[in-house]
N, C-alpha and C. Protein backbone atom coordinates (compact mmCIF):
# COMPACT_ATOMS: atom_id res chain seq x y z
N MET A 1 -22.12 3.23 -7.06
CA MET A 1 -21.33 3.74 -5.96
C MET A 1 -20.53 4.95 -6.47
N ASN A 2 -20.70 6.09 -5.81
CA ASN A 2 -19.96 7.28 -6.24
C ASN A 2 -18.53 7.24 -5.68
N ASN A 3 -17.73 8.21 -6.12
CA ASN A 3 -16.31 8.20 -5.77
C ASN A 3 -16.06 8.31 -4.27
N GLU A 4 -16.81 9.16 -3.60
CA GLU A 4 -16.62 9.32 -2.15
C GLU A 4 -16.97 8.02 -1.42
N GLU A 5 -18.01 7.33 -1.87
CA GLU A 5 -18.37 6.04 -1.27
C GLU A 5 -17.28 5.01 -1.50
N LYS A 6 -16.63 5.06 -2.67
CA LYS A 6 -15.54 4.13 -2.96
C LYS A 6 -14.39 4.35 -2.00
N ILE A 7 -14.05 5.60 -1.77
CA ILE A 7 -12.95 5.91 -0.85
C ILE A 7 -13.31 5.47 0.57
N GLU A 8 -14.55 5.74 0.97
CA GLU A 8 -14.99 5.33 2.31
C GLU A 8 -15.08 3.81 2.45
N ALA A 9 -15.33 3.12 1.35
CA ALA A 9 -15.45 1.66 1.38
C ALA A 9 -14.11 0.99 1.66
N THR A 10 -13.05 1.76 1.62
CA THR A 10 -11.75 1.17 1.96
C THR A 10 -11.66 0.89 3.45
N GLY A 11 -12.78 1.01 4.14
CA GLY A 11 -12.85 0.63 5.55
C GLY A 11 -12.54 -0.85 5.75
N LYS A 12 -12.56 -1.61 4.66
CA LYS A 12 -12.15 -3.02 4.74
C LYS A 12 -10.72 -3.11 5.26
N LYS A 13 -9.96 -2.04 5.05
CA LYS A 13 -8.58 -2.00 5.53
C LYS A 13 -8.56 -2.12 7.05
N GLU A 14 -9.50 -1.47 7.73
CA GLU A 14 -9.56 -1.53 9.19
C GLU A 14 -9.87 -2.95 9.66
N GLU A 15 -10.73 -3.65 8.91
CA GLU A 15 -11.02 -5.05 9.23
C GLU A 15 -9.75 -5.87 9.07
N GLY A 16 -8.99 -5.58 8.01
CA GLY A 16 -7.73 -6.27 7.78
C GLY A 16 -6.75 -6.04 8.91
N ASN A 17 -6.71 -4.82 9.43
CA ASN A 17 -5.81 -4.52 10.54
C ASN A 17 -6.14 -5.37 11.77
N ALA A 18 -7.42 -5.51 12.06
CA ALA A 18 -7.84 -6.31 13.21
C ALA A 18 -7.48 -7.78 13.00
N LEU A 19 -7.70 -8.27 11.78
CA LEU A 19 -7.36 -9.67 11.48
C LEU A 19 -5.86 -9.91 11.54
N PHE A 20 -5.07 -8.94 11.08
CA PHE A 20 -3.62 -9.07 11.13
C PHE A 20 -3.15 -9.17 12.59
N LYS A 21 -3.68 -8.30 13.44
CA LYS A 21 -3.32 -8.32 14.86
C LYS A 21 -3.70 -9.63 15.51
N ALA A 22 -4.77 -10.27 15.00
CA ALA A 22 -5.23 -11.55 15.54
C ALA A 22 -4.46 -12.73 14.95
N GLY A 23 -3.54 -12.46 14.02
CA GLY A 23 -2.74 -13.53 13.42
C GLY A 23 -3.43 -14.25 12.28
N LYS A 24 -4.51 -13.69 11.77
CA LYS A 24 -5.25 -14.30 10.66
C LYS A 24 -4.81 -13.61 9.36
N TYR A 25 -3.60 -13.96 8.92
CA TYR A 25 -2.94 -13.25 7.83
C TYR A 25 -3.61 -13.45 6.47
N ALA A 26 -4.11 -14.63 6.20
CA ALA A 26 -4.77 -14.89 4.91
C ALA A 26 -6.04 -14.04 4.78
N LYS A 27 -6.83 -14.01 5.85
CA LYS A 27 -8.06 -13.21 5.82
C LYS A 27 -7.74 -11.72 5.77
N ALA A 28 -6.72 -11.30 6.49
CA ALA A 28 -6.32 -9.90 6.48
C ALA A 28 -5.89 -9.49 5.07
N SER A 29 -5.13 -10.35 4.41
CA SER A 29 -4.67 -10.08 3.05
C SER A 29 -5.85 -9.88 2.11
N LYS A 30 -6.86 -10.73 2.24
CA LYS A 30 -8.06 -10.60 1.39
C LYS A 30 -8.77 -9.28 1.64
N ARG A 31 -8.83 -8.83 2.89
CA ARG A 31 -9.49 -7.55 3.20
C ARG A 31 -8.73 -6.39 2.58
N TYR A 32 -7.39 -6.44 2.65
CA TYR A 32 -6.59 -5.37 2.05
C TYR A 32 -6.77 -5.35 0.53
N GLU A 33 -6.86 -6.53 -0.07
CA GLU A 33 -7.07 -6.60 -1.52
C GLU A 33 -8.42 -6.00 -1.90
N LYS A 34 -9.46 -6.32 -1.13
CA LYS A 34 -10.79 -5.77 -1.40
C LYS A 34 -10.78 -4.26 -1.27
N ALA A 35 -10.15 -3.77 -0.23
CA ALA A 35 -10.11 -2.32 -0.01
C ALA A 35 -9.40 -1.62 -1.16
N ALA A 36 -8.31 -2.20 -1.63
CA ALA A 36 -7.55 -1.59 -2.73
C ALA A 36 -8.34 -1.62 -4.04
N LYS A 37 -9.14 -2.64 -4.25
CA LYS A 37 -9.91 -2.75 -5.50
C LYS A 37 -11.01 -1.69 -5.60
N PHE A 38 -11.52 -1.22 -4.47
CA PHE A 38 -12.55 -0.19 -4.51
C PHE A 38 -12.04 1.08 -5.19
N ILE A 39 -10.75 1.36 -5.04
CA ILE A 39 -10.20 2.61 -5.56
C ILE A 39 -9.11 2.37 -6.61
N GLU A 40 -9.13 1.18 -7.20
CA GLU A 40 -8.09 0.82 -8.16
C GLU A 40 -8.07 1.75 -9.37
N TYR A 41 -9.23 2.06 -9.89
CA TYR A 41 -9.33 2.92 -11.08
C TYR A 41 -9.85 4.28 -10.65
N ASP A 42 -8.98 5.26 -10.61
CA ASP A 42 -9.36 6.58 -10.09
C ASP A 42 -9.41 7.65 -11.17
N ASN A 43 -9.63 7.26 -12.43
CA ASN A 43 -9.63 8.25 -13.51
C ASN A 43 -10.84 9.17 -13.48
N THR A 44 -11.87 8.85 -12.74
CA THR A 44 -13.03 9.75 -12.63
C THR A 44 -12.99 10.56 -11.33
N PHE A 45 -11.94 10.40 -10.53
CA PHE A 45 -11.83 11.10 -9.26
C PHE A 45 -11.37 12.54 -9.47
N SER A 46 -11.81 13.41 -8.58
CA SER A 46 -11.31 14.79 -8.58
C SER A 46 -9.88 14.76 -8.00
N GLU A 47 -9.19 15.88 -8.07
CA GLU A 47 -7.81 15.94 -7.55
C GLU A 47 -7.78 15.61 -6.05
N GLU A 48 -8.73 16.14 -5.31
CA GLU A 48 -8.79 15.87 -3.86
C GLU A 48 -9.06 14.39 -3.60
N GLU A 49 -9.97 13.81 -4.37
CA GLU A 49 -10.27 12.38 -4.21
C GLU A 49 -9.08 11.52 -4.59
N LYS A 50 -8.33 11.95 -5.61
CA LYS A 50 -7.13 11.20 -6.02
C LYS A 50 -6.08 11.19 -4.92
N LYS A 51 -5.94 12.32 -4.22
CA LYS A 51 -4.98 12.40 -3.11
C LYS A 51 -5.38 11.42 -2.00
N LYS A 52 -6.66 11.43 -1.66
CA LYS A 52 -7.15 10.52 -0.61
C LYS A 52 -6.98 9.07 -1.03
N SER A 53 -7.31 8.77 -2.27
CA SER A 53 -7.25 7.38 -2.73
C SER A 53 -5.81 6.91 -2.84
N LYS A 54 -4.88 7.81 -3.18
CA LYS A 54 -3.47 7.41 -3.29
C LYS A 54 -2.94 6.95 -1.93
N VAL A 55 -3.27 7.69 -0.89
CA VAL A 55 -2.84 7.31 0.46
C VAL A 55 -3.43 5.94 0.82
N GLN A 56 -4.71 5.75 0.51
CA GLN A 56 -5.36 4.48 0.82
C GLN A 56 -4.73 3.33 0.04
N LYS A 57 -4.43 3.56 -1.24
CA LYS A 57 -3.81 2.50 -2.07
C LYS A 57 -2.47 2.08 -1.51
N VAL A 58 -1.64 3.07 -1.19
CA VAL A 58 -0.30 2.77 -0.65
C VAL A 58 -0.43 2.00 0.65
N THR A 59 -1.30 2.45 1.53
CA THR A 59 -1.48 1.79 2.82
C THR A 59 -1.98 0.37 2.66
N CYS A 60 -2.98 0.17 1.81
CA CYS A 60 -3.52 -1.18 1.59
C CYS A 60 -2.46 -2.11 1.01
N ASN A 61 -1.70 -1.62 0.03
CA ASN A 61 -0.68 -2.47 -0.59
C ASN A 61 0.44 -2.81 0.39
N LEU A 62 0.87 -1.85 1.19
CA LEU A 62 1.94 -2.13 2.14
C LEU A 62 1.46 -3.04 3.28
N ASN A 63 0.23 -2.84 3.73
CA ASN A 63 -0.32 -3.73 4.76
C ASN A 63 -0.45 -5.14 4.22
N ASN A 64 -0.89 -5.25 2.97
CA ASN A 64 -1.02 -6.57 2.34
C ASN A 64 0.37 -7.20 2.20
N ALA A 65 1.35 -6.39 1.84
CA ALA A 65 2.73 -6.89 1.72
C ALA A 65 3.25 -7.40 3.06
N ALA A 66 2.80 -6.82 4.15
CA ALA A 66 3.22 -7.28 5.48
C ALA A 66 2.62 -8.65 5.80
N CYS A 67 1.49 -8.98 5.20
CA CYS A 67 0.86 -10.29 5.43
C CYS A 67 1.58 -11.40 4.67
N LYS A 68 2.08 -11.08 3.50
CA LYS A 68 2.57 -12.11 2.59
C LYS A 68 3.75 -12.93 3.12
N PRO A 69 4.74 -12.36 3.82
CA PRO A 69 5.81 -13.21 4.35
C PRO A 69 5.29 -14.24 5.36
N LYS A 70 4.27 -13.86 6.10
CA LYS A 70 3.66 -14.79 7.06
C LYS A 70 3.01 -15.97 6.33
N LEU A 71 2.61 -15.73 5.07
CA LEU A 71 1.99 -16.76 4.25
C LEU A 71 3.00 -17.40 3.29
N LYS A 72 4.26 -17.01 3.43
CA LYS A 72 5.37 -17.52 2.61
C LYS A 72 5.17 -17.23 1.12
N ASP A 73 4.57 -16.08 0.83
CA ASP A 73 4.34 -15.65 -0.55
C ASP A 73 5.26 -14.46 -0.84
N TYR A 74 6.54 -14.74 -1.00
CA TYR A 74 7.56 -13.71 -1.10
C TYR A 74 7.52 -12.95 -2.42
N LYS A 75 7.13 -13.60 -3.49
CA LYS A 75 7.04 -12.92 -4.78
C LYS A 75 5.96 -11.84 -4.75
N GLU A 76 4.88 -12.12 -4.05
CA GLU A 76 3.79 -11.15 -3.95
C GLU A 76 4.22 -9.93 -3.13
N VAL A 77 5.11 -10.12 -2.17
CA VAL A 77 5.65 -8.99 -1.41
C VAL A 77 6.31 -8.01 -2.37
N GLU A 78 7.13 -8.55 -3.25
CA GLU A 78 7.84 -7.73 -4.22
C GLU A 78 6.86 -6.96 -5.10
N LYS A 79 5.84 -7.66 -5.61
CA LYS A 79 4.86 -7.01 -6.50
C LYS A 79 4.12 -5.88 -5.78
N LEU A 80 3.70 -6.14 -4.56
CA LEU A 80 2.94 -5.14 -3.81
C LEU A 80 3.80 -3.93 -3.47
N CYS A 81 5.05 -4.16 -3.13
CA CYS A 81 5.94 -3.04 -2.82
C CYS A 81 6.25 -2.23 -4.07
N LEU A 82 6.38 -2.89 -5.20
CA LEU A 82 6.64 -2.16 -6.45
C LEU A 82 5.44 -1.31 -6.85
N LYS A 83 4.23 -1.75 -6.51
CA LYS A 83 3.04 -0.95 -6.80
C LYS A 83 3.10 0.39 -6.08
N THR A 84 3.71 0.42 -4.92
CA THR A 84 3.74 1.64 -4.12
C THR A 84 4.95 2.50 -4.43
N SER A 85 5.85 2.01 -5.26
CA SER A 85 7.07 2.78 -5.50
C SER A 85 6.93 3.73 -6.68
N SER A 86 5.86 4.50 -6.65
CA SER A 86 5.65 5.49 -7.71
C SER A 86 6.62 6.65 -7.53
N PHE A 87 6.70 7.46 -8.52
CA PHE A 87 7.60 8.60 -8.50
C PHE A 87 7.33 9.50 -7.30
N GLU A 88 6.06 9.80 -7.04
CA GLU A 88 5.71 10.69 -5.93
C GLU A 88 6.09 10.06 -4.60
N PHE A 89 5.92 8.77 -4.48
CA PHE A 89 6.23 8.08 -3.24
C PHE A 89 7.74 8.12 -2.97
N GLN A 90 8.54 7.93 -4.02
CA GLN A 90 9.98 7.98 -3.88
C GLN A 90 10.44 9.39 -3.53
N LEU A 91 9.82 10.40 -4.12
CA LEU A 91 10.19 11.77 -3.81
C LEU A 91 9.98 12.11 -2.35
N MET A 92 8.98 11.50 -1.75
CA MET A 92 8.69 11.76 -0.36
C MET A 92 9.93 11.48 0.50
N PHE A 93 10.67 10.43 0.18
CA PHE A 93 11.85 10.07 0.96
C PHE A 93 13.04 10.97 0.61
N TYR A 94 13.21 11.30 -0.65
CA TYR A 94 14.36 12.10 -1.06
C TYR A 94 14.22 13.56 -0.64
N ASN A 95 13.00 14.01 -0.39
CA ASN A 95 12.80 15.39 0.04
C ASN A 95 13.05 15.60 1.52
N LEU A 96 13.42 14.56 2.23
CA LEU A 96 13.69 14.70 3.65
C LEU A 96 15.01 15.40 3.93
N GLY A 97 15.87 15.50 2.94
CA GLY A 97 17.16 16.15 3.11
C GLY A 97 18.11 15.68 2.03
N PRO A 98 19.30 16.27 1.99
CA PRO A 98 20.22 15.91 0.92
C PRO A 98 20.65 14.44 0.96
N GLN A 99 20.88 13.89 2.12
CA GLN A 99 21.29 12.48 2.24
C GLN A 99 20.82 11.95 3.59
N PRO A 100 19.54 11.56 3.69
CA PRO A 100 19.06 11.03 4.97
C PRO A 100 19.90 9.85 5.44
N ALA A 101 19.94 9.65 6.72
CA ALA A 101 20.80 8.62 7.31
C ALA A 101 20.48 7.22 6.80
N PHE A 102 19.23 6.95 6.46
CA PHE A 102 18.87 5.60 6.04
C PHE A 102 19.15 5.32 4.58
N ILE A 103 19.62 6.30 3.83
CA ILE A 103 19.97 6.09 2.43
C ILE A 103 21.49 6.07 2.32
N ASP A 104 22.05 4.94 1.93
CA ASP A 104 23.49 4.81 1.75
C ASP A 104 23.73 4.55 0.27
N SER A 105 24.27 5.53 -0.42
CA SER A 105 24.42 5.42 -1.86
C SER A 105 25.47 4.40 -2.28
N SER A 106 26.29 3.94 -1.34
CA SER A 106 27.32 2.95 -1.70
C SER A 106 26.80 1.53 -1.66
N VAL A 107 25.61 1.34 -1.13
CA VAL A 107 25.02 0.01 -1.02
C VAL A 107 24.01 -0.20 -2.13
N GLN A 108 24.12 -1.29 -2.85
CA GLN A 108 23.14 -1.62 -3.88
C GLN A 108 22.17 -2.63 -3.29
N LEU A 109 20.90 -2.35 -3.44
CA LEU A 109 19.88 -3.24 -2.92
C LEU A 109 19.52 -4.27 -3.96
N SER A 110 19.31 -5.48 -3.54
CA SER A 110 18.87 -6.52 -4.47
C SER A 110 17.41 -6.85 -4.17
N VAL A 111 16.71 -7.28 -5.17
CA VAL A 111 15.30 -7.62 -5.04
C VAL A 111 15.20 -9.07 -4.60
N LEU A 112 14.21 -9.35 -3.75
CA LEU A 112 14.01 -10.72 -3.25
C LEU A 112 13.93 -11.73 -4.36
């Protein structure tokens, strides 16, 4: 399977979306995991393919994290969210302005 096919194979994510909407959270979670595994190792990807795969990875992990509370798997929510909290992902929020309304520097967040 070449790199472009791997990125396209993340279509399992769409199956997961349909299952999530139907309330089948365990099956949806498995689909998101499969989709993320197709592009887990992107060291052979070109820069353009890496950009595409990064978006897919973040989306799959966050969608999977949305399933986990429904399955009462709270520790996995934390792990999946931490996977998406890369430096580039965090910059996306801080580049919205000097102090966006949803960021309150006086509040310390605790981890579940």
